Each structure stands twice: as structure tokens, then as C-alpha cells.
């Protein structure tokens, strides 16, 4: 049975604006019912603030809700040799900090989110994938001393899409490497999420549940920008318009995705990652409630179907005896 967690990213806009502290945000997620919390250093940096690590430890001692994943934006591509080494060093510093909170999984991006779309071709990907693989191998080897697993998320517009992510998954060749499967992010490269999840669930160590409104290229909804994924529409690689929504209110079939996850036997942690336009605490609460409710609804439908099939089989086997 998976655990249901919440990413602190869901309400990070309040941290960035100084309306709440990171520790206060953590307590809010616990109050919403999170069984685990993902840390995302937006508006704070535990690698540069040892005191905050101690404050998080004190908060955990009171709630018992663990910090289980750490997500860090990053980029390994288009860098000089010195810049690449600096980026690896920065990642290792955050791994060290995460280890102090006994965090077991660490997601690190490999390509910049705002990388120009025209550069995100399959030809460039194949040229650059050896760099991505070697970077993840080095981070996996470093994190092994903490018994920590390094994750790659399908994030942004380049190192994304089921086929590209799968190539990296099978090439890194480390036991402590896996996929942070983001249900919604596959739309950024025009993959169909319901199908992409079926392809990639076998690699998933953690899951981000996220929903988007999706509009075709010829139906411009206004207020859009290529890279604005907060409070506005942004564009996919193919030109579709995307906007974060409350989970199960957007255009991704969250019921179908949940069914795929359940059928796979996944028993890790499923995190809510909300990034819609609604007030973020409201959007997070409703989305998290929906995530848990849909999980139970899909389970109930399985049970009812199984009972119907069992009853039909019983009638078929014994009905002819009378």
C-alpha cells in the first residue's frame, strides 16, 4: 500500500513571499494529512542553513511525519568543464544536507527548464545523453554512502518523454537510481499521460500526482507564456497550452492513471504536486483529498468487479449442475 505525501512545493509561493516559514509550511502539510513530505528548496536552502535542518528535525519529532524526498532543480548540459563540476558539487552539498534529515530519495534535474525549445531535438538529446548518464552515475555513487537513491524526473522540455527517460533509466546502471514519475509533466512534450504512465511505471520509485488543463494550439486561452508554469498558461513543445489545475479537475484522466498505478503493485510514496492558479492552500487541500478519494474509488471498483466476476464464474461452474 503506497503512502500519500505532499510536496512542500505546493505552497512554496507563500514561503517565497515570506508569508510563512518553511517549518510552518511543513506543519500545514501535516495538518492536511500528509504521511510524508517532499522538500523543494524554493525560498530556503538547507545546504546553506544548518539551523533550518535542526528546526525541521524538531518539527518532525513533534509530528512523526518524515521528510522522505528532496527535489532540486539542476542542469548538466551546455556547461563548461568548470561549470559542470560546480553543478555536481552543488548537488552533492544538497545530498549531504538531505542525508541529515534521513531523506532516502533525491531528485535532480538534468536539463534546464528554460532551455530554448528549438534546442530540444532528438539529435541534441542523443549527443548529450552520455553527459546526463555520467552525471547521474557520479551522484548515485556519492549518495550510496547514505543509502540514498537518486531520481530523475520527467521535467521540462528536453529530458522528458517516455522514450527519452526510459533510455536514461536503462543506461545509468546503478541500483540506487530510478524515476520520479510526474504524471502531468509528460504533457510538456505532448506525450499522452495515461499512456506514458503505463510505459514508465515499472521504473518509478516515487510518483508526483499533478493535473493540467490542456488546450490545443489553435485555441489560445490568453495570458500565456512559454515558460510560465505558475498562475498562467504555458506551452508544450508542440504548442499546446497547459495550465496547472486542482487534481481531478483538469484534463488528465486521474482515475485511469490511478488504476495503472494500482495494477502495477506500486507501493512507494505518491506525492501531490499542485501548481494551479487557485489559492495554494485551498488547491493543495482539495487536490490531496481528491488523490486519496480517487485511490479508494478505484479500489472499490476493482473489488466490485472482482465480486461480479467471481459470482459469474461460480454460477457458470455450478449452474449447469442443477
C-alpha atoms as a PDB file:
ATOM      1  CA  UNK A   1       0.000   0.000   0.000  1.00  0.00           C
ATOM      2  CA  UNK A   2       1.556   3.321  -1.015  1.00  0.00           C
ATOM      3  CA  UNK A   3       1.898   6.252   1.332  1.00  0.00           C
ATOM      4  CA  UNK A   4       0.341   9.564   0.365  1.00  0.00           C
ATOM      5  CA  UNK A   5       2.626  12.554   0.699  1.00  0.00           C
ATOM      6  CA  UNK A   6       2.617  16.217  -0.241  1.00  0.00           C
ATOM      7  CA  UNK A   7       5.393  18.261  -1.799  1.00  0.00           C
ATOM      8  CA  UNK A   8       6.176  21.490   0.026  1.00  0.00           C
ATOM      9  CA  UNK A   9       6.308  22.970  -3.483  1.00  0.00           C
ATOM     10  CA  UNK A  10       2.500  23.068  -3.402  1.00  0.00           C
ATOM     11  CA  UNK A  11       2.559  26.038  -1.033  1.00  0.00           C
ATOM     12  CA  UNK A  12       6.062  27.309  -1.765  1.00  0.00           C
ATOM     13  CA  UNK A  13       4.777  30.588  -3.190  1.00  0.00           C
ATOM     14  CA  UNK A  14       3.898  31.566   0.398  1.00  0.00           C
ATOM     15  CA  UNK A  15       7.402  30.688   1.559  1.00  0.00           C
ATOM     16  CA  UNK A  16       8.967  32.714  -1.267  1.00  0.00           C
ATOM     17  CA  UNK A  17       6.793  35.720  -0.395  1.00  0.00           C
ATOM     18  CA  UNK A  18       7.717  35.446   3.279  1.00  0.00           C
ATOM     19  CA  UNK A  19       4.141  34.800   4.383  1.00  0.00           C
ATOM     20  CA  UNK A  20       5.096  31.561   6.160  1.00  0.00           C
ATOM     21  CA  UNK A  21       8.360  29.908   7.171  1.00  0.00           C
ATOM     22  CA  UNK A  22       9.450  26.543   5.744  1.00  0.00           C
ATOM     23  CA  UNK A  23       8.738  24.897   9.099  1.00  0.00           C
ATOM     24  CA  UNK A  24       5.264  26.441   9.232  1.00  0.00           C
ATOM     25  CA  UNK A  25       4.669  25.105   5.705  1.00  0.00           C
ATOM     26  CA  UNK A  26       5.699  21.633   6.858  1.00  0.00           C
ATOM     27  CA  UNK A  27       3.202  21.752   9.728  1.00  0.00           C
ATOM     28  CA  UNK A  28       0.437  22.803   7.330  1.00  0.00           C
ATOM     29  CA  UNK A  29       1.113  19.774   5.124  1.00  0.00           C
ATOM     30  CA  UNK A  30       0.995  17.535   8.188  1.00  0.00           C
ATOM     31  CA  UNK A  31      -2.332  19.099   9.154  1.00  0.00           C
ATOM     32  CA  UNK A  32      -3.676  18.269   5.686  1.00  0.00           C
ATOM     33  CA  UNK A  33      -2.945  14.609   6.390  1.00  0.00           C
ATOM     34  CA  UNK A  34       0.375  14.052   4.622  1.00  0.00           C
ATOM     35  CA  UNK A  35       2.068  10.787   5.552  1.00  0.00           C
ATOM     36  CA  UNK A  36       5.362  12.018   4.083  1.00  0.00           C
ATOM     37  CA  UNK A  37       6.748  15.368   2.941  1.00  0.00           C
ATOM     38  CA  UNK A  38       8.911  16.233  -0.038  1.00  0.00           C
ATOM     39  CA  UNK A  39      11.279  19.164   0.394  1.00  0.00           C
ATOM     40  CA  UNK A  40      11.863  21.518  -2.539  1.00  0.00           C
ATOM     41  CA  UNK A  41      14.262  24.395  -1.766  1.00  0.00           C
ATOM     42  CA  UNK A  42      12.211  27.289  -3.112  1.00  0.00           C
ATOM     43  CA  UNK A  43      12.552  30.196  -0.710  1.00  0.00           C
ATOM     44  CA  UNK A  44      15.001  28.331   1.520  1.00  0.00           C
ATOM     45  CA  UNK A  45      18.254  26.389   1.268  1.00  0.00           C
ATOM     46  CA  UNK A  46      19.111  23.783   3.890  1.00  0.00           C
ATOM     47  CA  UNK A  47      22.536  23.269   2.304  1.00  0.00           C
ATOM     48  CA  UNK A  48      23.421  26.797   3.447  1.00  0.00           C
ATOM     49  CA  UNK A  49      21.328  26.898   6.620  1.00  0.00           C
ATOM     50  CA  UNK A  50      22.217  24.226   9.202  1.00  0.00           C
ATOM     51  CA  UNK A  51      19.872  25.875  11.711  1.00  0.00           C
ATOM     52  CA  UNK A  52      16.906  25.156   9.449  1.00  0.00           C
ATOM     53  CA  UNK A  53      17.862  21.472   9.402  1.00  0.00           C
ATOM     54  CA  UNK A  54      17.691  21.459  13.203  1.00  0.00           C
ATOM     55  CA  UNK A  55      14.310  23.209  13.108  1.00  0.00           C
ATOM     56  CA  UNK A  56      12.993  20.588  10.685  1.00  0.00           C
ATOM     57  CA  UNK A  57      14.265  17.832  12.981  1.00  0.00           C
ATOM     58  CA  UNK A  58      12.426  19.384  15.930  1.00  0.00           C
ATOM     59  CA  UNK A  59       9.247  19.675  13.866  1.00  0.00           C
ATOM     60  CA  UNK A  60       9.492  16.023  12.809  1.00  0.00           C
ATOM     61  CA  UNK A  61       9.931  14.970  16.446  1.00  0.00           C
ATOM     62  CA  UNK A  62       6.568  16.591  17.196  1.00  0.00           C
ATOM     63  CA  UNK A  63       4.580  15.275  14.226  1.00  0.00           C
ATOM     64  CA  UNK A  64       6.225  11.980  13.269  1.00  0.00           C
ATOM     65  CA  UNK A  65       5.718  12.809   9.580  1.00  0.00           C
ATOM     66  CA  UNK A  66       9.046  12.116   7.835  1.00  0.00           C
ATOM     67  CA  UNK A  67      10.879  14.051   5.168  1.00  0.00           C
ATOM     68  CA  UNK A  68      11.297  11.394   2.505  1.00  0.00           C
ATOM     69  CA  UNK A  69      12.248  13.064  -0.793  1.00  0.00           C
ATOM     70  CA  UNK A  70      14.285  16.095  -1.816  1.00  0.00           C
ATOM     71  CA  UNK A  71      13.829  17.713  -5.234  1.00  0.00           C
ATOM     72  CA  UNK A  72      16.476  20.010  -6.686  1.00  0.00           C
ATOM     73  CA  UNK A  73      16.389  21.937  -9.939  1.00  0.00           C
ATOM     74  CA  UNK A  74      19.544  21.480 -11.933  1.00  0.00           C
ATOM     75  CA  UNK A  75      21.263  21.358 -15.290  1.00  0.00           C
ATOM     76  CA  UNK A  76      24.195  19.303 -16.581  1.00  0.00           C
ATOM     77  CA  UNK A  77      24.100  20.458 -20.205  1.00  0.00           C
ATOM     78  CA  UNK A  78      25.699  23.270 -22.192  1.00  0.00           C
ATOM     79  CA  UNK A  79      28.235  23.912 -19.439  1.00  0.00           C
ATOM     80  CA  UNK A  80      31.979  24.400 -19.428  1.00  0.00           C
ATOM     81  CA  UNK A  81      34.038  21.772 -17.627  1.00  0.00           C
ATOM     82  CA  UNK A  82      34.332  24.026 -14.565  1.00  0.00           C
ATOM     83  CA  UNK A  83      30.610  24.832 -14.584  1.00  0.00           C
ATOM     84  CA  UNK A  84      29.755  21.136 -14.782  1.00  0.00           C
ATOM     85  CA  UNK A  85      31.997  20.347 -11.822  1.00  0.00           C
ATOM     86  CA  UNK A  86      30.391  23.191  -9.865  1.00  0.00           C
ATOM     87  CA  UNK A  87      26.926  21.850 -10.597  1.00  0.00           C
ATOM     88  CA  UNK A  88      27.897  18.361  -9.436  1.00  0.00           C
ATOM     89  CA  UNK A  89      29.452  19.888  -6.304  1.00  0.00           C
ATOM     90  CA  UNK A  90      26.253  21.855  -5.620  1.00  0.00           C
ATOM     91  CA  UNK A  91      24.160  18.693  -5.954  1.00  0.00           C
ATOM     92  CA  UNK A  92      26.454  16.833  -3.540  1.00  0.00           C
ATOM     93  CA  UNK A  93      26.099  19.627  -0.985  1.00  0.00           C
ATOM     94  CA  UNK A  94      22.328  19.242  -1.106  1.00  0.00           C
ATOM     95  CA  UNK A  95      22.665  15.445  -0.870  1.00  0.00           C
ATOM     96  CA  UNK A  96      24.747  15.919   2.297  1.00  0.00           C
ATOM     97  CA  UNK A  97      22.096  18.228   3.746  1.00  0.00           C
ATOM     98  CA  UNK A  98      19.233  15.895   2.827  1.00  0.00           C
ATOM     99  CA  UNK A  99      21.034  12.992   4.471  1.00  0.00           C
ATOM    100  CA  UNK A 100      20.976  14.874   7.782  1.00  0.00           C
ATOM    101  CA  UNK A 101      17.178  14.606   7.653  1.00  0.00           C
ATOM    102  CA  UNK A 102      17.372  10.873   6.811  1.00  0.00           C
ATOM    103  CA  UNK A 103      15.870  11.543   3.387  1.00  0.00           C
ATOM    104  CA  UNK A 104      16.034   8.382   1.282  1.00  0.00           C
ATOM    105  CA  UNK A 105      15.397   9.670  -2.265  1.00  0.00           C
ATOM    106  CA  UNK A 106      16.863  12.687  -4.040  1.00  0.00           C
ATOM    107  CA  UNK A 107      15.580  14.011  -7.358  1.00  0.00           C
ATOM    108  CA  UNK A 108      17.969  16.021  -9.510  1.00  0.00           C
ATOM    109  CA  UNK A 109      17.119  17.544 -12.881  1.00  0.00           C
ATOM    110  CA  UNK A 110      19.479  17.148 -15.804  1.00  0.00           C
ATOM    111  CA  UNK A 111      18.368  19.876 -18.244  1.00  0.00           C
ATOM    112  CA  UNK A 112      17.398  23.488 -17.609  1.00  0.00           C
ATOM    113  CA  UNK A 113      13.652  24.170 -17.634  1.00  0.00           C
ATOM    114  CA  UNK A 114      14.058  27.360 -19.695  1.00  0.00           C
ATOM    115  CA  UNK A 115      16.360  25.820 -22.279  1.00  0.00           C
ATOM    116  CA  UNK A 116      15.203  27.140 -25.699  1.00  0.00           C
ATOM    117  CA  UNK A 117      12.640  24.805 -27.274  1.00  0.00           C
ATOM    118  CA  UNK A 118      14.461  24.811 -30.622  1.00  0.00           C
ATOM    119  CA  UNK A 119      17.442  23.121 -28.943  1.00  0.00           C
ATOM    120  CA  UNK A 120      15.425  20.219 -27.556  1.00  0.00           C
ATOM    121  CA  UNK A 121      15.692  17.982 -30.601  1.00  0.00           C
ATOM    122  CA  UNK A 122      16.233  14.242 -30.516  1.00  0.00           C
ATOM    123  CA  UNK A 123      19.573  14.798 -32.275  1.00  0.00           C
ATOM    124  CA  UNK A 124      20.797  17.064 -29.482  1.00  0.00           C
ATOM    125  CA  UNK A 125      19.435  14.673 -26.882  1.00  0.00           C
ATOM    126  CA  UNK A 126      21.423  11.765 -28.303  1.00  0.00           C
ATOM    127  CA  UNK A 127      24.588  13.890 -28.334  1.00  0.00           C
ATOM    128  CA  UNK A 128      24.028  14.991 -24.734  1.00  0.00           C
ATOM    129  CA  UNK A 129      22.700  11.814 -23.139  1.00  0.00           C
ATOM    130  CA  UNK A 130      26.198  10.479 -22.286  1.00  0.00           C
ATOM    131  CA  UNK A 131      26.743  13.595 -20.153  1.00  0.00           C
ATOM    132  CA  UNK A 132      23.421  13.043 -18.398  1.00  0.00           C
ATOM    133  CA  UNK A 133      24.224   9.387 -17.737  1.00  0.00           C
ATOM    134  CA  UNK A 134      27.700  10.071 -16.364  1.00  0.00           C
ATOM    135  CA  UNK A 135      26.374  12.832 -14.083  1.00  0.00           C
ATOM    136  CA  UNK A 136      23.724  10.564 -12.596  1.00  0.00           C
ATOM    137  CA  UNK A 137      26.263   7.763 -12.157  1.00  0.00           C
ATOM    138  CA  UNK A 138      28.554  10.081 -10.193  1.00  0.00           C
ATOM    139  CA  UNK A 139      25.687  11.269  -7.979  1.00  0.00           C
ATOM    140  CA  UNK A 140      24.493   7.708  -7.392  1.00  0.00           C
ATOM    141  CA  UNK A 141      27.980   6.620  -6.368  1.00  0.00           C
ATOM    142  CA  UNK A 142      28.233   9.580  -3.996  1.00  0.00           C
ATOM    143  CA  UNK A 143      24.779   9.060  -2.458  1.00  0.00           C
ATOM    144  CA  UNK A 144      25.341   5.342  -1.901  1.00  0.00           C
ATOM    145  CA  UNK A 145      27.140   6.026   1.385  1.00  0.00           C
ATOM    146  CA  UNK A 146      23.865   7.437   2.700  1.00  0.00           C
ATOM    147  CA  UNK A 147      21.794   4.555   1.308  1.00  0.00           C
ATOM    148  CA  UNK A 148      20.091   7.204  -0.796  1.00  0.00           C
ATOM    149  CA  UNK A 149      18.501   6.705  -4.222  1.00  0.00           C
ATOM    150  CA  UNK A 150      18.985   9.336  -6.934  1.00  0.00           C
ATOM    151  CA  UNK A 151      15.903  10.076  -9.028  1.00  0.00           C
ATOM    152  CA  UNK A 152      15.363  11.597 -12.442  1.00  0.00           C
ATOM    153  CA  UNK A 153      12.018  13.256 -13.048  1.00  0.00           C
ATOM    154  CA  UNK A 154      10.458  13.738 -16.452  1.00  0.00           C
ATOM    155  CA  UNK A 155      10.819  17.502 -16.152  1.00  0.00           C
ATOM    156  CA  UNK A 156      10.873  20.360 -18.605  1.00  0.00           C
ATOM    157  CA  UNK A 157      11.034  20.120 -22.374  1.00  0.00           C
ATOM    158  CA  UNK A 158      14.201  18.149 -23.158  1.00  0.00           C
ATOM    159  CA  UNK A 159      14.981  15.294 -20.749  1.00  0.00           C
ATOM    160  CA  UNK A 160      11.335  14.333 -20.795  1.00  0.00           C
ATOM    161  CA  UNK A 161       9.040  11.968 -22.663  1.00  0.00           C
ATOM    162  CA  UNK A 162       8.690   8.252 -22.057  1.00  0.00           C
ATOM    163  CA  UNK A 163      11.249   7.154 -24.659  1.00  0.00           C
ATOM    164  CA  UNK A 164      13.980   9.593 -23.621  1.00  0.00           C
ATOM    165  CA  UNK A 165      13.540   8.966 -19.907  1.00  0.00           C
ATOM    166  CA  UNK A 166      13.493   5.211 -20.475  1.00  0.00           C
ATOM    167  CA  UNK A 167      16.817   5.400 -22.322  1.00  0.00           C
ATOM    168  CA  UNK A 168      18.395   7.106 -19.311  1.00  0.00           C
ATOM    169  CA  UNK A 169      16.770   4.694 -16.857  1.00  0.00           C
ATOM    170  CA  UNK A 170      18.273   1.628 -18.539  1.00  0.00           C
ATOM    171  CA  UNK A 171      21.667   3.252 -19.199  1.00  0.00           C
ATOM    172  CA  UNK A 172      22.706   4.619 -15.798  1.00  0.00           C
ATOM    173  CA  UNK A 173      23.082   1.056 -14.457  1.00  0.00           C
ATOM    174  CA  UNK A 174      23.047   1.820 -10.743  1.00  0.00           C
ATOM    175  CA  UNK A 175      20.906   0.056  -8.154  1.00  0.00           C
ATOM    176  CA  UNK A 176      20.234   3.361  -6.391  1.00  0.00           C
ATOM    177  CA  UNK A 177      18.833   5.122  -9.457  1.00  0.00           C
ATOM    178  CA  UNK A 178      15.221   5.429 -10.511  1.00  0.00           C
ATOM    179  CA  UNK A 179      12.393   7.504 -11.879  1.00  0.00           C
ATOM    180  CA  UNK A 180      10.360  10.162 -10.156  1.00  0.00           C
ATOM    181  CA  UNK A 181       7.330   9.746 -12.364  1.00  0.00           C
ATOM    182  CA  UNK A 182       5.454  13.024 -12.764  1.00  0.00           C
ATOM    183  CA  UNK A 183       2.024  12.245 -14.149  1.00  0.00           C
ATOM    184  CA  UNK A 184       1.402  15.734 -15.501  1.00  0.00           C
ATOM    185  CA  UNK A 185       4.810  16.649 -16.871  1.00  0.00           C
ATOM    186  CA  UNK A 186       4.579  14.264 -19.802  1.00  0.00           C
ATOM    187  CA  UNK A 187       2.174  16.769 -21.376  1.00  0.00           C
ATOM    188  CA  UNK A 188       5.075  19.241 -21.654  1.00  0.00           C
ATOM    189  CA  UNK A 189       6.438  17.161 -24.539  1.00  0.00           C
ATOM    190  CA  UNK A 190       2.986  16.181 -25.841  1.00  0.00           C
ATOM    191  CA  UNK A 191       3.071  12.611 -24.558  1.00  0.00           C
ATOM    192  CA  UNK A 192      -0.329  11.289 -23.538  1.00  0.00           C
ATOM    193  CA  UNK A 193      -0.017  10.935 -19.746  1.00  0.00           C
ATOM    194  CA  UNK A 194      -2.337   7.959 -19.437  1.00  0.00           C
ATOM    195  CA  UNK A 195      -0.168   6.018 -21.915  1.00  0.00           C
ATOM    196  CA  UNK A 196       3.199   7.339 -20.714  1.00  0.00           C
ATOM    197  CA  UNK A 197       2.439   6.216 -17.162  1.00  0.00           C
ATOM    198  CA  UNK A 198       1.733   2.707 -18.431  1.00  0.00           C
ATOM    199  CA  UNK A 199       5.125   2.700 -20.168  1.00  0.00           C
ATOM    200  CA  UNK A 200       7.117   4.112 -17.270  1.00  0.00           C
ATOM    201  CA  UNK A 201       5.505   2.856 -14.062  1.00  0.00           C
ATOM    202  CA  UNK A 202       7.970  -0.045 -13.869  1.00  0.00           C
ATOM    203  CA  UNK A 203      10.822   2.448 -13.309  1.00  0.00           C
ATOM    204  CA  UNK A 204       9.005   4.575 -10.722  1.00  0.00           C
ATOM    205  CA  UNK A 205      10.472   4.899  -7.237  1.00  0.00           C
ATOM    206  CA  UNK A 206       8.247   7.851  -6.356  1.00  0.00           C
ATOM    207  CA  UNK A 207       5.298   9.480  -8.100  1.00  0.00           C
ATOM    208  CA  UNK A 208       4.146  13.081  -8.477  1.00  0.00           C
ATOM    209  CA  UNK A 209       0.395  13.360  -8.977  1.00  0.00           C
ATOM    210  CA  UNK A 210      -0.324  16.503 -10.976  1.00  0.00           C
ATOM    211  CA  UNK A 211      -3.112  17.627 -13.267  1.00  0.00           C
ATOM    212  CA  UNK A 212      -3.263  20.125 -16.134  1.00  0.00           C
ATOM    213  CA  UNK A 213      -5.826  21.886 -18.230  1.00  0.00           C
ATOM    214  CA  UNK A 214      -4.858  21.201 -21.845  1.00  0.00           C
ATOM    215  CA  UNK A 215      -5.922  23.286 -24.851  1.00  0.00           C
ATOM    216  CA  UNK A 216      -4.890  22.739 -28.492  1.00  0.00           C
ATOM    217  CA  UNK A 217      -2.621  25.187 -30.272  1.00  0.00           C
ATOM    218  CA  UNK A 218      -5.449  26.785 -32.266  1.00  0.00           C
ATOM    219  CA  UNK A 219      -7.443  27.656 -29.108  1.00  0.00           C
ATOM    220  CA  UNK A 220      -5.339  30.346 -27.445  1.00  0.00           C
ATOM    221  CA  UNK A 221      -6.809  30.919 -23.958  1.00  0.00           C
ATOM    222  CA  UNK A 222      -4.835  34.141 -23.426  1.00  0.00           C
ATOM    223  CA  UNK A 223      -2.393  35.061 -20.668  1.00  0.00           C
ATOM    224  CA  UNK A 224       0.185  32.549 -21.860  1.00  0.00           C
ATOM    225  CA  UNK A 225       3.976  32.417 -21.916  1.00  0.00           C
ATOM    226  CA  UNK A 226       6.375  29.676 -22.963  1.00  0.00           C
ATOM    227  CA  UNK A 227       7.885  29.019 -19.565  1.00  0.00           C
ATOM    228  CA  UNK A 228       5.413  30.398 -17.022  1.00  0.00           C
ATOM    229  CA  UNK A 229       4.055  27.361 -15.161  1.00  0.00           C
ATOM    230  CA  UNK A 230       2.705  29.322 -12.183  1.00  0.00           C
ATOM    231  CA  UNK A 231      -0.575  31.273 -12.339  1.00  0.00           C
ATOM    232  CA  UNK A 232      -0.668  31.242 -16.140  1.00  0.00           C
ATOM    233  CA  UNK A 233      -0.838  29.127 -19.266  1.00  0.00           C
ATOM    234  CA  UNK A 234       2.406  27.864 -20.761  1.00  0.00           C
ATOM    235  CA  UNK A 235       3.213  25.978 -23.952  1.00  0.00           C
ATOM    236  CA  UNK A 236       4.189  22.406 -24.702  1.00  0.00           C
ATOM    237  CA  UNK A 237       6.906  21.537 -27.200  1.00  0.00           C
ATOM    238  CA  UNK A 238       4.204  21.083 -29.833  1.00  0.00           C
ATOM    239  CA  UNK A 239       2.447  24.338 -28.966  1.00  0.00           C
ATOM    240  CA  UNK A 240      -0.458  23.147 -26.833  1.00  0.00           C
ATOM    241  CA  UNK A 241      -1.496  25.373 -23.949  1.00  0.00           C
ATOM    242  CA  UNK A 242      -1.090  23.966 -20.428  1.00  0.00           C
ATOM    243  CA  UNK A 243      -2.119  25.253 -17.013  1.00  0.00           C
ATOM    244  CA  UNK A 244      -1.895  23.562 -13.643  1.00  0.00           C
ATOM    245  CA  UNK A 245      -5.204  22.567 -12.075  1.00  0.00           C
ATOM    246  CA  UNK A 246      -6.601  21.129  -8.901  1.00  0.00           C
ATOM    247  CA  UNK A 247      -6.087  17.374  -9.157  1.00  0.00           C
ATOM    248  CA  UNK A 248      -9.017  15.683 -10.948  1.00  0.00           C
ATOM    249  CA  UNK A 249     -10.423  18.982 -12.204  1.00  0.00           C
ATOM    250  CA  UNK A 250      -8.114  19.187 -15.217  1.00  0.00           C
ATOM    251  CA  UNK A 251      -7.986  17.194 -18.449  1.00  0.00           C
ATOM    252  CA  UNK A 252      -5.781  14.268 -17.385  1.00  0.00           C
ATOM    253  CA  UNK A 253      -7.762  11.137 -16.542  1.00  0.00           C
ATOM    254  CA  UNK A 254      -6.559  10.779 -12.958  1.00  0.00           C
ATOM    255  CA  UNK A 255      -8.824   7.758 -12.455  1.00  0.00           C
ATOM    256  CA  UNK A 256      -7.156   5.907 -15.327  1.00  0.00           C
ATOM    257  CA  UNK A 257      -3.685   6.899 -14.113  1.00  0.00           C
ATOM    258  CA  UNK A 258      -4.527   5.732 -10.599  1.00  0.00           C
ATOM    259  CA  UNK A 259      -5.775   2.418 -11.984  1.00  0.00           C
ATOM    260  CA  UNK A 260      -2.463   1.901 -13.784  1.00  0.00           C
ATOM    261  CA  UNK A 261      -0.512   2.656 -10.610  1.00  0.00           C
ATOM    262  CA  UNK A 262      -2.615   0.236  -8.564  1.00  0.00           C
ATOM    263  CA  UNK A 263      -2.419  -2.541 -11.128  1.00  0.00           C
ATOM    264  CA  UNK A 264       1.384  -2.197 -11.188  1.00  0.00           C
ATOM    265  CA  UNK A 265       1.618  -3.003  -7.474  1.00  0.00           C
ATOM    266  CA  UNK A 266       3.482   0.243  -6.764  1.00  0.00           C
ATOM    267  CA  UNK A 267       3.972   0.593  -3.004  1.00  0.00           C
ATOM    268  CA  UNK A 268       6.240   3.628  -2.707  1.00  0.00           C
ATOM    269  CA  UNK A 269       5.218   7.193  -1.922  1.00  0.00           C
ATOM    270  CA  UNK A 270       2.783   9.148  -4.092  1.00  0.00           C
ATOM    271  CA  UNK A 271       3.233  12.896  -3.628  1.00  0.00           C
ATOM    272  CA  UNK A 272       0.753  15.561  -4.541  1.00  0.00           C
ATOM    273  CA  UNK A 273       2.365  18.359  -6.569  1.00  0.00           C
ATOM    274  CA  UNK A 274      -0.174  21.134  -7.049  1.00  0.00           C
ATOM    275  CA  UNK A 275       0.659  24.190  -9.163  1.00  0.00           C
ATOM    276  CA  UNK A 276      -2.691  25.702 -10.089  1.00  0.00           C
ATOM    277  CA  UNK A 277      -3.999  29.274 -10.049  1.00  0.00           C
ATOM    278  CA  UNK A 278      -6.217  28.832  -7.009  1.00  0.00           C
ATOM    279  CA  UNK A 279      -5.105  29.999  -3.569  1.00  0.00           C
ATOM    280  CA  UNK A 280      -2.381  27.465  -2.917  1.00  0.00           C
ATOM    281  CA  UNK A 281      -3.530  26.156   0.465  1.00  0.00           C
ATOM    282  CA  UNK A 282      -7.059  25.622  -0.837  1.00  0.00           C
ATOM    283  CA  UNK A 283      -5.796  24.000  -4.031  1.00  0.00           C
ATOM    284  CA  UNK A 284      -3.491  21.718  -2.071  1.00  0.00           C
ATOM    285  CA  UNK A 285      -6.180  20.586   0.382  1.00  0.00           C
ATOM    286  CA  UNK A 286      -8.743  19.803  -2.304  1.00  0.00           C
ATOM    287  CA  UNK A 287      -6.188  18.097  -4.534  1.00  0.00           C
ATOM    288  CA  UNK A 288      -4.885  15.918  -1.712  1.00  0.00           C
ATOM    289  CA  UNK A 289      -8.402  14.925  -0.684  1.00  0.00           C
ATOM    290  CA  UNK A 290      -9.159  14.054  -4.310  1.00  0.00           C
ATOM    291  CA  UNK A 291      -5.978  11.996  -4.626  1.00  0.00           C
ATOM    292  CA  UNK A 292      -6.895   9.827  -1.645  1.00  0.00           C
ATOM    293  CA  UNK A 293     -10.575   9.607  -2.575  1.00  0.00           C
ATOM    294  CA  UNK A 294      -9.864   8.506  -6.146  1.00  0.00           C
ATOM    295  CA  UNK A 295      -7.441   5.868  -4.891  1.00  0.00           C
ATOM    296  CA  UNK A 296     -10.227   4.402  -2.780  1.00  0.00           C
ATOM    297  CA  UNK A 297     -12.803   4.723  -5.560  1.00  0.00           C
ATOM    298  CA  UNK A 298     -10.614   2.823  -7.983  1.00  0.00           C
ATOM    299  CA  UNK A 299     -10.020   0.159  -5.341  1.00  0.00           C
ATOM    300  CA  UNK A 300     -13.751  -0.147  -4.729  1.00  0.00           C
ATOM    301  CA  UNK A 301     -14.452  -0.516  -8.433  1.00  0.00           C
ATOM    302  CA  UNK A 302     -11.842  -3.299  -8.622  1.00  0.00           C
ATOM    303  CA  UNK A 303     -13.427  -5.087  -5.665  1.00  0.00           C
ATOM    304  CA  UNK A 304     -16.925  -4.818  -7.098  1.00  0.00           C
ATOM    305  CA  UNK A 305     -15.746  -6.029 -10.485  1.00  0.00           C
ATOM    306  CA  UNK A 306     -13.903  -8.938  -8.876  1.00  0.00           C
ATOM    307  CA  UNK A 307     -17.003  -9.914  -6.893  1.00  0.00           C
ATOM    308  CA  UNK A 308     -19.165  -9.778 -10.020  1.00  0.00           C
ATOM    309  CA  UNK A 309     -16.679 -11.889 -11.962  1.00  0.00           C
ATOM    310  CA  UNK A 310     -16.404 -14.341  -9.070  1.00  0.00           C
ATOM    311  CA  UNK A 311     -20.176 -14.656  -8.851  1.00  0.00           C
ATOM    312  CA  UNK A 312     -20.459 -15.166 -12.601  1.00  0.00           C
ATOM    313  CA  UNK A 313     -17.766 -17.849 -12.509  1.00  0.00           C
ATOM    314  CA  UNK A 314     -19.483 -19.602  -9.619  1.00  0.00           C
ATOM    315  CA  UNK A 315     -22.780 -19.623 -11.488  1.00  0.00           C
ATOM    316  CA  UNK A 316     -21.110 -20.875 -14.642  1.00  0.00           C
ATOM    317  CA  UNK A 317     -19.367 -23.729 -12.845  1.00  0.00           C
ATOM    318  CA  UNK A 318     -22.236 -24.888 -10.651  1.00  0.00           C
ATOM    319  CA  UNK A 319     -25.282 -23.574 -12.501  1.00  0.00           C
ATOM    320  CA  UNK A 320     -25.244 -26.395 -15.001  1.00  0.00           C
ATOM    321  CA  UNK A 321     -25.354 -28.959 -12.183  1.00  0.00           C
ATOM    322  CA  UNK A 322     -28.976 -28.218 -11.442  1.00  0.00           C
END
